[in-house]
Every structure is written in C-alpha cells, then in structure tokens.
Amino acid sequence: DASVFALLTALKNVQLPLVTINEETGLSEVNLKQKNPLI
C-alpha cells in the first residue's frame, strides 16, 4: 500500500523538460526552461 501510494505521488510530482530532435544534426535538444508534468 505504501509503495503504490509513494509511486503515484512521486510520478504526479515529475516535470519533464521539452525535448526535440534537431532535423539537421539528428541530435536531441533539451529545453530545461520549458517543463511539463507527466501524463
């Protein structure tokens, strides 16, 4: 019970930065200023 509760609450607390792939270089670019919560 405690583990499921902690997992759910921690996941609701996650903010992921915006990540895009540069079409020219093929490398990933991380924007730490723009974060979105997990769905």
PDB file of all heavy atoms in Angstrom:
ATOM      1  N   ASP A   1       0.841  -1.216   0.000  1.00  0.00           N
ATOM      2  CA  ASP A   1       0.000   0.000   0.000  1.00  0.00           C
ATOM      3  C   ASP A   1       0.867   1.254   0.000  1.00  0.00           C
ATOM      4  O   ASP A   1       0.649   2.186  -0.777  1.00  0.00           O
ATOM      5  CB  ASP A   1      -0.908   0.035   1.247  1.00  0.00           C
ATOM      6  CG  ASP A   1      -2.062  -0.944   1.156  1.00  0.00           C
ATOM      7  OD1 ASP A   1      -1.985  -1.886   0.354  1.00  0.00           O
ATOM      8  OD2 ASP A   1      -3.047  -0.775   1.900  1.00  0.00           O
ATOM      9  N   ALA A   2       1.864   1.261   0.874  1.00  0.00           N
ATOM     10  CA  ALA A   2       2.738   2.429   0.996  1.00  0.00           C
ATOM     11  C   ALA A   2       3.537   2.650  -0.289  1.00  0.00           C
ATOM     12  O   ALA A   2       3.733   3.791  -0.723  1.00  0.00           O
ATOM     13  CB  ALA A   2       3.683   2.253   2.185  1.00  0.00           C
ATOM     14  N   SER A   3       3.971   1.561  -0.932  1.00  0.00           N
ATOM     15  CA  SER A   3       4.784   1.663  -2.147  1.00  0.00           C
ATOM     16  C   SER A   3       3.981   2.230  -3.317  1.00  0.00           C
ATOM     17  O   SER A   3       4.466   3.102  -4.051  1.00  0.00           O
ATOM     18  CB  SER A   3       5.354   0.292  -2.527  1.00  0.00           C
ATOM     19  OG  SER A   3       6.244  -0.167  -1.537  1.00  0.00           O
ATOM     20  N   VAL A   4       2.760   1.735  -3.507  1.00  0.00           N
ATOM     21  CA  VAL A   4       1.911   2.231  -4.602  1.00  0.00           C
ATOM     22  C   VAL A   4       1.578   3.704  -4.372  1.00  0.00           C
ATOM     23  O   VAL A   4       1.599   4.526  -5.304  1.00  0.00           O
ATOM     24  CB  VAL A   4       0.621   1.386  -4.729  1.00  0.00           C
ATOM     25  CG1 VAL A   4      -0.331   2.002  -5.751  1.00  0.00           C
ATOM     26  CG2 VAL A   4       0.957  -0.035  -5.143  1.00  0.00           C
ATOM     27  N   PHE A   5       1.291   4.052  -3.126  1.00  0.00           N
ATOM     28  CA  PHE A   5       0.957   5.438  -2.748  1.00  0.00           C
ATOM     29  C   PHE A   5       2.152   6.358  -3.046  1.00  0.00           C
ATOM     30  O   PHE A   5       2.008   7.428  -3.673  1.00  0.00           O
ATOM     31  CB  PHE A   5       0.599   5.453  -1.263  1.00  0.00           C
ATOM     32  CG  PHE A   5      -0.009   6.740  -0.762  1.00  0.00           C
ATOM     33  CD1 PHE A   5      -0.493   6.823   0.540  1.00  0.00           C
ATOM     34  CD2 PHE A   5      -0.102   7.871  -1.561  1.00  0.00           C
ATOM     35  CE1 PHE A   5      -1.060   7.999   1.020  1.00  0.00           C
ATOM     36  CE2 PHE A   5      -0.663   9.059  -1.078  1.00  0.00           C
ATOM     37  CZ  PHE A   5      -1.131   9.118   0.207  1.00  0.00           C
ATOM     38  N   ALA A   6       3.351   5.939  -2.634  1.00  0.00           N
ATOM     39  CA  ALA A   6       4.552   6.756  -2.850  1.00  0.00           C
ATOM     40  C   ALA A   6       4.865   6.886  -4.336  1.00  0.00           C
ATOM     41  O   ALA A   6       5.238   7.968  -4.815  1.00  0.00           O
ATOM     42  CB  ALA A   6       5.741   6.142  -2.103  1.00  0.00           C
ATOM     43  N   LEU A   7       4.712   5.788  -5.083  1.00  0.00           N
ATOM     44  CA  LEU A   7       4.967   5.810  -6.527  1.00  0.00           C
ATOM     45  C   LEU A   7       4.035   6.792  -7.234  1.00  0.00           C
ATOM     46  O   LEU A   7       4.486   7.641  -8.014  1.00  0.00           O
ATOM     47  CB  LEU A   7       4.781   4.406  -7.106  1.00  0.00           C
ATOM     48  CG  LEU A   7       4.833   4.322  -8.634  1.00  0.00           C
ATOM     49  CD1 LEU A   7       6.252   4.535  -9.143  1.00  0.00           C
ATOM     50  CD2 LEU A   7       4.285   2.991  -9.131  1.00  0.00           C
ATOM     51  N   LEU A   8       2.738   6.678  -6.959  1.00  0.00           N
ATOM     52  CA  LEU A   8       1.760   7.559  -7.610  1.00  0.00           C
ATOM     53  C   LEU A   8       2.042   9.026  -7.306  1.00  0.00           C
ATOM     54  O   LEU A   8       2.046   9.872  -8.207  1.00  0.00           O
ATOM     55  CB  LEU A   8       0.342   7.178  -7.147  1.00  0.00           C
ATOM     56  CG  LEU A   8      -0.798   8.084  -7.630  1.00  0.00           C
ATOM     57  CD1 LEU A   8      -0.862   8.146  -9.150  1.00  0.00           C
ATOM     58  CD2 LEU A   8      -2.143   7.600  -7.065  1.00  0.00           C
ATOM     59  N   THR A   9       2.319   9.332  -6.046  1.00  0.00           N
ATOM     60  CA  THR A   9       2.562  10.721  -5.656  1.00  0.00           C
ATOM     61  C   THR A   9       3.856  11.254  -6.275  1.00  0.00           C
ATOM     62  O   THR A   9       3.905  12.401  -6.722  1.00  0.00           O
ATOM     63  CB  THR A   9       2.621  10.848  -4.121  1.00  0.00           C
ATOM     64  OG1 THR A   9       1.570  10.081  -3.541  1.00  0.00           O
ATOM     65  CG2 THR A   9       2.436  12.285  -3.690  1.00  0.00           C
ATOM     66  N   ALA A  10       4.890  10.425  -6.313  1.00  0.00           N
ATOM     67  CA  ALA A  10       6.158  10.850  -6.918  1.00  0.00           C
ATOM     68  C   ALA A  10       5.984  11.122  -8.410  1.00  0.00           C
ATOM     69  O   ALA A  10       6.505  12.102  -8.941  1.00  0.00           O
ATOM     70  CB  ALA A  10       7.239   9.791  -6.689  1.00  0.00           C
ATOM     71  N   LEU A  11       5.244  10.256  -9.100  1.00  0.00           N
ATOM     72  CA  LEU A  11       5.019  10.436 -10.535  1.00  0.00           C
ATOM     73  C   LEU A  11       4.224  11.709 -10.817  1.00  0.00           C
ATOM     74  O   LEU A  11       4.478  12.412 -11.799  1.00  0.00           O
ATOM     75  CB  LEU A  11       4.292   9.212 -11.121  1.00  0.00           C
ATOM     76  CG  LEU A  11       5.127   7.935 -11.250  1.00  0.00           C
ATOM     77  CD1 LEU A  11       4.242   6.759 -11.625  1.00  0.00           C
ATOM     78  CD2 LEU A  11       6.241   8.092 -12.285  1.00  0.00           C
ATOM     79  N   LYS A  12       3.280  12.025  -9.936  1.00  0.00           N
ATOM     80  CA  LYS A  12       2.479  13.245 -10.106  1.00  0.00           C
ATOM     81  C   LYS A  12       3.324  14.506  -9.892  1.00  0.00           C
ATOM     82  O   LYS A  12       2.929  15.611 -10.261  1.00  0.00           O
ATOM     83  CB  LYS A  12       1.281  13.246  -9.143  1.00  0.00           C
ATOM     84  CG  LYS A  12       0.152  12.313  -9.580  1.00  0.00           C
ATOM     85  CD  LYS A  12      -1.040  12.378  -8.654  1.00  0.00           C
ATOM     86  CE  LYS A  12      -1.838  13.658  -8.840  1.00  0.00           C
ATOM     87  NZ  LYS A  12      -2.566  13.707 -10.133  1.00  0.00           N
ATOM     88  N   ASN A  13       4.481  14.304  -9.317  1.00  0.00           N
ATOM     89  CA  ASN A  13       5.388  15.398  -8.987  1.00  0.00           C
ATOM     90  C   ASN A  13       6.470  15.612 -10.063  1.00  0.00           C
ATOM     91  O   ASN A  13       7.239  16.549 -10.011  1.00  0.00           O
ATOM     92  CB  ASN A  13       6.022  15.034  -7.621  1.00  0.00           C
ATOM     93  CG  ASN A  13       6.910  16.093  -7.061  1.00  0.00           C
ATOM     94  OD1 ASN A  13       8.026  15.805  -6.677  1.00  0.00           O
ATOM     95  ND2 ASN A  13       6.457  17.327  -7.016  1.00  0.00           N
ATOM     96  N   VAL A  14       6.513  14.704 -11.055  1.00  0.00           N
ATOM     97  CA  VAL A  14       7.555  14.752 -12.091  1.00  0.00           C
ATOM     98  C   VAL A  14       7.263  15.843 -13.125  1.00  0.00           C
ATOM     99  O   VAL A  14       6.140  15.977 -13.605  1.00  0.00           O
ATOM    100  CB  VAL A  14       7.682  13.382 -12.805  1.00  0.00           C
ATOM    101  CG1 VAL A  14       8.600  13.481 -14.021  1.00  0.00           C
ATOM    102  CG2 VAL A  14       8.194  12.318 -11.848  1.00  0.00           C
ATOM    103  N   GLN A  15       8.299  16.607 -13.442  1.00  0.00           N
ATOM    104  CA  GLN A  15       8.237  17.596 -14.518  1.00  0.00           C
ATOM    105  C   GLN A  15       9.336  17.254 -15.525  1.00  0.00           C
ATOM    106  O   GLN A  15      10.510  17.214 -15.170  1.00  0.00           O
ATOM    107  CB  GLN A  15       8.471  19.012 -13.962  1.00  0.00           C
ATOM    108  CG  GLN A  15       7.426  19.483 -12.961  1.00  0.00           C
ATOM    109  CD  GLN A  15       6.239  20.154 -13.632  1.00  0.00           C
ATOM    110  OE1 GLN A  15       6.347  20.665 -14.732  1.00  0.00           O
ATOM    111  NE2 GLN A  15       5.097  20.142 -12.963  1.00  0.00           N
ATOM    112  N   LEU A  16       8.948  16.980 -16.766  1.00  0.00           N
ATOM    113  CA  LEU A  16       9.921  16.611 -17.790  1.00  0.00           C
ATOM    114  C   LEU A  16      10.209  17.796 -18.708  1.00  0.00           C
ATOM    115  O   LEU A  16       9.285  18.479 -19.152  1.00  0.00           O
ATOM    116  CB  LEU A  16       9.400  15.444 -18.640  1.00  0.00           C
ATOM    117  CG  LEU A  16       9.213  14.103 -17.928  1.00  0.00           C
ATOM    118  CD1 LEU A  16       8.653  13.076 -18.896  1.00  0.00           C
ATOM    119  CD2 LEU A  16      10.515  13.613 -17.314  1.00  0.00           C
ATOM    120  N   PRO A  17      11.501  18.049 -19.017  1.00  0.00           N
ATOM    121  CA  PRO A  17      11.822  19.151 -19.924  1.00  0.00           C
ATOM    122  C   PRO A  17      11.386  18.833 -21.356  1.00  0.00           C
ATOM    123  O   PRO A  17      11.240  17.659 -21.721  1.00  0.00           O
ATOM    124  CB  PRO A  17      13.350  19.231 -19.823  1.00  0.00           C
ATOM    125  CG  PRO A  17      13.780  17.875 -19.415  1.00  0.00           C
ATOM    126  CD  PRO A  17      12.687  17.327 -18.535  1.00  0.00           C
ATOM    127  N   LEU A  18      11.175  19.867 -22.125  1.00  0.00           N
ATOM    128  CA  LEU A  18      10.817  19.690 -23.530  1.00  0.00           C
ATOM    129  C   LEU A  18      12.047  19.192 -24.293  1.00  0.00           C
ATOM    130  O   LEU A  18      13.131  19.760 -24.184  1.00  0.00           O
ATOM    131  CB  LEU A  18      10.339  21.025 -24.124  1.00  0.00           C
ATOM    132  CG  LEU A  18       9.922  20.988 -25.597  1.00  0.00           C
ATOM    133  CD1 LEU A  18       8.651  20.172 -25.779  1.00  0.00           C
ATOM    134  CD2 LEU A  18       9.730  22.398 -26.134  1.00  0.00           C
ATOM    135  N   VAL A  19      11.866  18.114 -25.049  1.00  0.00           N
ATOM    136  CA  VAL A  19      12.972  17.544 -25.826  1.00  0.00           C
ATOM    137  C   VAL A  19      12.565  17.476 -27.293  1.00  0.00           C
ATOM    138  O   VAL A  19      11.488  16.981 -27.629  1.00  0.00           O
ATOM    139  CB  VAL A  19      13.349  16.131 -25.326  1.00  0.00           C
ATOM    140  CG1 VAL A  19      14.499  15.560 -26.166  1.00  0.00           C
ATOM    141  CG2 VAL A  19      13.746  16.161 -23.866  1.00  0.00           C
ATOM    142  N   THR A  20      13.410  17.986 -28.149  1.00  0.00           N
ATOM    143  CA  THR A  20      13.167  17.913 -29.598  1.00  0.00           C
ATOM    144  C   THR A  20      14.408  17.340 -30.280  1.00  0.00           C
ATOM    145  O   THR A  20      15.504  17.341 -29.699  1.00  0.00           O
ATOM    146  CB  THR A  20      12.867  19.306 -30.187  1.00  0.00           C
ATOM    147  OG1 THR A  20      13.914  20.209 -29.803  1.00  0.00           O
ATOM    148  CG2 THR A  20      11.531  19.839 -29.693  1.00  0.00           C
ATOM    149  N   ILE A  21      14.222  16.852 -31.498  1.00  0.00           N
ATOM    150  CA  ILE A  21      15.366  16.349 -32.260  1.00  0.00           C
ATOM    151  C   ILE A  21      15.645  17.319 -33.401  1.00  0.00           C
ATOM    152  O   ILE A  21      14.754  17.641 -34.194  1.00  0.00           O
ATOM    153  CB  ILE A  21      15.093  14.925 -32.793  1.00  0.00           C
ATOM    154  CG1 ILE A  21      15.045  13.946 -31.613  1.00  0.00           C
ATOM    155  CG2 ILE A  21      16.162  14.507 -33.797  1.00  0.00           C
ATOM    156  CD1 ILE A  21      14.907  12.498 -31.979  1.00  0.00           C
ATOM    157  N   ASN A  22      16.852  17.804 -33.443  1.00  0.00           N
ATOM    158  CA  ASN A  22      17.269  18.728 -34.494  1.00  0.00           C
ATOM    159  C   ASN A  22      17.360  17.961 -35.813  1.00  0.00           C
ATOM    160  O   ASN A  22      18.114  16.994 -35.937  1.00  0.00           O
ATOM    161  CB  ASN A  22      18.642  19.327 -34.137  1.00  0.00           C
ATOM    162  CG  ASN A  22      19.069  20.409 -35.102  1.00  0.00           C
ATOM    163  OD1 ASN A  22      19.093  20.201 -36.314  1.00  0.00           O
ATOM    164  ND2 ASN A  22      19.436  21.570 -34.560  1.00  0.00           N
ATOM    165  N   GLU A  23      16.550  18.371 -36.785  1.00  0.00           N
ATOM    166  CA  GLU A  23      16.472  17.644 -38.047  1.00  0.00           C
ATOM    167  C   GLU A  23      17.787  17.689 -38.827  1.00  0.00           C
ATOM    168  O   GLU A  23      18.119  16.759 -39.566  1.00  0.00           O
ATOM    169  CB  GLU A  23      15.328  18.209 -38.903  1.00  0.00           C
ATOM    170  CG  GLU A  23      13.960  17.869 -38.336  1.00  0.00           C
ATOM    171  CD  GLU A  23      12.832  18.368 -39.211  1.00  0.00           C
ATOM    172  OE1 GLU A  23      13.104  18.831 -40.340  1.00  0.00           O
ATOM    173  OE2 GLU A  23      11.674  18.289 -38.762  1.00  0.00           O
ATOM    174  N   GLU A  24      18.534  18.754 -38.662  1.00  0.00           N
ATOM    175  CA  GLU A  24      19.794  18.882 -39.408  1.00  0.00           C
ATOM    176  C   GLU A  24      20.901  17.998 -38.842  1.00  0.00           C
ATOM    177  O   GLU A  24      21.620  17.323 -39.581  1.00  0.00           O
ATOM    178  CB  GLU A  24      20.254  20.346 -39.415  1.00  0.00           C
ATOM    179  CG  GLU A  24      19.361  21.262 -40.230  1.00  0.00           C
ATOM    180  CD  GLU A  24      19.839  22.704 -40.203  1.00  0.00           C
ATOM    181  OE1 GLU A  24      20.974  22.955 -39.733  1.00  0.00           O
ATOM    182  OE2 GLU A  24      19.065  23.569 -40.656  1.00  0.00           O
ATOM    183  N   THR A  25      21.018  18.010 -37.515  1.00  0.00           N
ATOM    184  CA  THR A  25      22.111  17.248 -36.880  1.00  0.00           C
ATOM    185  C   THR A  25      21.668  15.855 -36.417  1.00  0.00           C
ATOM    186  O   THR A  25      22.495  14.958 -36.227  1.00  0.00           O
ATOM    187  CB  THR A  25      22.657  18.008 -35.657  1.00  0.00           C
ATOM    188  OG1 THR A  25      21.604  18.130 -34.686  1.00  0.00           O
ATOM    189  CG2 THR A  25      23.130  19.393 -36.044  1.00  0.00           C
ATOM    190  N   GLY A  26      20.353  15.695 -36.213  1.00  0.00           N
ATOM    191  CA  GLY A  26      19.840  14.420 -35.701  1.00  0.00           C
ATOM    192  C   GLY A  26      20.045  14.252 -34.216  1.00  0.00           C
ATOM    193  O   GLY A  26      19.761  13.198 -33.638  1.00  0.00           O
ATOM    194  N   LEU A  27      20.551  15.312 -33.564  1.00  0.00           N
ATOM    195  CA  LEU A  27      20.810  15.242 -32.119  1.00  0.00           C
ATOM    196  C   LEU A  27      19.619  15.769 -31.327  1.00  0.00           C
ATOM    197  O   LEU A  27      18.850  16.604 -31.816  1.00  0.00           O
ATOM    198  CB  LEU A  27      22.064  16.059 -31.772  1.00  0.00           C
ATOM    199  CG  LEU A  27      23.373  15.607 -32.427  1.00  0.00           C
ATOM    200  CD1 LEU A  27      24.483  16.609 -32.136  1.00  0.00           C
ATOM    201  CD2 LEU A  27      23.756  14.206 -31.963  1.00  0.00           C
ATOM    202  N   SER A  28      19.488  15.293 -30.107  1.00  0.00           N
ATOM    203  CA  SER A  28      18.388  15.755 -29.253  1.00  0.00           C
ATOM    204  C   SER A  28      18.765  17.071 -28.577  1.00  0.00           C
ATOM    205  O   SER A  28      19.928  17.289 -28.227  1.00  0.00           O
ATOM    206  CB  SER A  28      18.055  14.709 -28.190  1.00  0.00           C
ATOM    207  OG  SER A  28      19.182  14.426 -27.396  1.00  0.00           O
ATOM    208  N   GLU A  29      17.766  17.936 -28.423  1.00  0.00           N
ATOM    209  CA  GLU A  29      17.972  19.227 -27.757  1.00  0.00           C
ATOM    210  C   GLU A  29      16.999  19.320 -26.587  1.00  0.00           C
ATOM    211  O   GLU A  29      15.796  19.137 -26.761  1.00  0.00           O
ATOM    212  CB  GLU A  29      17.749  20.372 -28.749  1.00  0.00           C
ATOM    213  CG  GLU A  29      18.766  20.375 -29.891  1.00  0.00           C
ATOM    214  CD  GLU A  29      18.504  21.463 -30.930  1.00  0.00           C
ATOM    215  OE1 GLU A  29      17.451  22.130 -30.833  1.00  0.00           O
ATOM    216  OE2 GLU A  29      19.356  21.641 -31.820  1.00  0.00           O
ATOM    217  N   VAL A  30      17.554  19.587 -25.399  1.00  0.00           N
ATOM    218  CA  VAL A  30      16.748  19.630 -24.169  1.00  0.00           C
ATOM    219  C   VAL A  30      16.553  21.074 -23.728  1.00  0.00           C
ATOM    220  O   VAL A  30      17.516  21.814 -23.542  1.00  0.00           O
ATOM    221  CB  VAL A  30      17.425  18.818 -23.033  1.00  0.00           C
ATOM    222  CG1 VAL A  30      16.580  18.851 -21.768  1.00  0.00           C
ATOM    223  CG2 VAL A  30      17.667  17.370 -23.482  1.00  0.00           C
ATOM    224  N   ASN A  31      15.275  21.449 -23.555  1.00  0.00           N
ATOM    225  CA  ASN A  31      14.942  22.798 -23.086  1.00  0.00           C
ATOM    226  C   ASN A  31      14.525  22.722 -21.615  1.00  0.00           C
ATOM    227  O   ASN A  31      13.379  22.393 -21.300  1.00  0.00           O
ATOM    228  CB  ASN A  31      13.813  23.385 -23.932  1.00  0.00           C
ATOM    229  CG  ASN A  31      13.472  24.817 -23.542  1.00  0.00           C
ATOM    230  OD1 ASN A  31      13.955  25.332 -22.526  1.00  0.00           O
ATOM    231  ND2 ASN A  31      12.632  25.460 -24.332  1.00  0.00           N
ATOM    232  N   LEU A  32      15.471  23.001 -20.713  1.00  0.00           N
ATOM    233  CA  LEU A  32      15.201  22.880 -19.277  1.00  0.00           C
ATOM    234  C   LEU A  32      14.274  23.976 -18.755  1.00  0.00           C
ATOM    235  O   LEU A  32      13.725  23.872 -17.660  1.00  0.00           O
ATOM    236  CB  LEU A  32      16.515  22.906 -18.493  1.00  0.00           C
ATOM    237  CG  LEU A  32      17.441  21.707 -18.719  1.00  0.00           C
ATOM    238  CD1 LEU A  32      18.786  21.929 -18.067  1.00  0.00           C
ATOM    239  CD2 LEU A  32      16.801  20.420 -18.206  1.00  0.00           C
ATOM    240  N   LYS A  33      14.099  25.038 -19.539  1.00  0.00           N
ATOM    241  CA  LYS A  33      13.230  26.134 -19.101  1.00  0.00           C
ATOM    242  C   LYS A  33      11.756  25.826 -19.345  1.00  0.00           C
ATOM    243  O   LYS A  33      10.881  26.448 -18.762  1.00  0.00           O
ATOM    244  CB  LYS A  33      13.615  27.429 -19.822  1.00  0.00           C
ATOM    245  CG  LYS A  33      14.959  27.995 -19.388  1.00  0.00           C
ATOM    246  CD  LYS A  33      15.295  29.277 -20.117  1.00  0.00           C
ATOM    247  CE  LYS A  33      16.656  29.813 -19.660  1.00  0.00           C
ATOM    248  NZ  LYS A  33      17.030  31.029 -20.422  1.00  0.00           N
ATOM    249  N   GLN A  34      11.496  24.873 -20.218  1.00  0.00           N
ATOM    250  CA  GLN A  34      10.105  24.511 -20.524  1.00  0.00           C
ATOM    251  C   GLN A  34       9.854  23.075 -20.079  1.00  0.00           C
ATOM    252  O   GLN A  34      10.321  22.127 -20.708  1.00  0.00           O
ATOM    253  CB  GLN A  34       9.832  24.661 -22.028  1.00  0.00           C
ATOM    254  CG  GLN A  34       8.343  24.575 -22.362  1.00  0.00           C
ATOM    255  CD  GLN A  34       8.085  24.875 -23.837  1.00  0.00           C
ATOM    256  OE1 GLN A  34       8.919  25.458 -24.515  1.00  0.00           O
ATOM    257  NE2 GLN A  34       6.921  24.477 -24.319  1.00  0.00           N
ATOM    258  N   LYS A  35       9.153  22.944 -18.974  1.00  0.00           N
ATOM    259  CA  LYS A  35       8.880  21.615 -18.425  1.00  0.00           C
ATOM    260  C   LYS A  35       7.387  21.348 -18.363  1.00  0.00           C
ATOM    261  O   LYS A  35       6.589  22.261 -18.148  1.00  0.00           O
ATOM    262  CB  LYS A  35       9.487  21.472 -17.023  1.00  0.00           C
ATOM    263  CG  LYS A  35      11.012  21.474 -17.023  1.00  0.00           C
ATOM    264  CD  LYS A  35      11.560  21.112 -15.656  1.00  0.00           C
ATOM    265  CE  LYS A  35      13.064  20.964 -15.685  1.00  0.00           C
ATOM    266  NZ  LYS A  35      13.608  20.511 -14.403  1.00  0.00           N
ATOM    267  N   ASN A  36       7.033  20.082 -18.540  1.00  0.00           N
ATOM    268  CA  ASN A  36       5.632  19.672 -18.480  1.00  0.00           C
ATOM    269  C   ASN A  36       5.469  18.496 -17.531  1.00  0.00           C
ATOM    270  O   ASN A  36       6.359  17.635 -17.445  1.00  0.00           O
ATOM    271  CB  ASN A  36       5.134  19.264 -19.869  1.00  0.00           C
ATOM    272  CG  ASN A  36       5.109  20.442 -20.827  1.00  0.00           C
ATOM    273  OD1 ASN A  36       4.486  21.457 -20.551  1.00  0.00           O
ATOM    274  ND2 ASN A  36       5.810  20.306 -21.951  1.00  0.00           N
ATOM    275  N   PRO A  37       4.335  18.449 -16.820  1.00  0.00           N
ATOM    276  CA  PRO A  37       4.103  17.302 -15.933  1.00  0.00           C
ATOM    277  C   PRO A  37       3.861  16.026 -16.734  1.00  0.00           C
ATOM    278  O   PRO A  37       3.469  16.087 -17.905  1.00  0.00           O
ATOM    279  CB  PRO A  37       2.845  17.707 -15.147  1.00  0.00           C
ATOM    280  CG  PRO A  37       2.163  18.727 -15.999  1.00  0.00           C
ATOM    281  CD  PRO A  37       3.241  19.430 -16.757  1.00  0.00           C
ATOM    282  N   LEU A  38       4.128  14.906 -16.115  1.00  0.00           N
ATOM    283  CA  LEU A  38       3.818  13.608 -16.725  1.00  0.00           C
ATOM    284  C   LEU A  38       2.314  13.483 -16.923  1.00  0.00           C
ATOM    285  O   LEU A  38       1.524  14.026 -16.141  1.00  0.00           O
ATOM    286  CB  LEU A  38       4.244  12.483 -15.773  1.00  0.00           C
ATOM    287  CG  LEU A  38       5.622  11.850 -15.916  1.00  0.00           C
ATOM    288  CD1 LEU A  38       5.771  10.777 -14.849  1.00  0.00           C
ATOM    289  CD2 LEU A  38       5.824  11.260 -17.285  1.00  0.00           C
ATOM    290  N   ILE A  39       1.933  12.749 -17.951  1.00  0.00           N
ATOM    291  CA  ILE A  39       0.502  12.478 -18.141  1.00  0.00           C
ATOM    292  C   ILE A  39       0.153  11.238 -17.325  1.00  0.00           C
ATOM    293  O   ILE A  39       0.589  10.124 -17.648  1.00  0.00           O
ATOM    294  CB  ILE A  39       0.171  12.259 -19.630  1.00  0.00           C
ATOM    295  CG1 ILE A  39       0.554  13.496 -20.454  1.00  0.00           C
ATOM    296  CG2 ILE A  39      -1.314  11.946 -19.805  1.00  0.00           C
ATOM    297  CD1 ILE A  39       0.496  13.291 -21.949  1.00  0.00           C
TER     298      ILE A  39
END
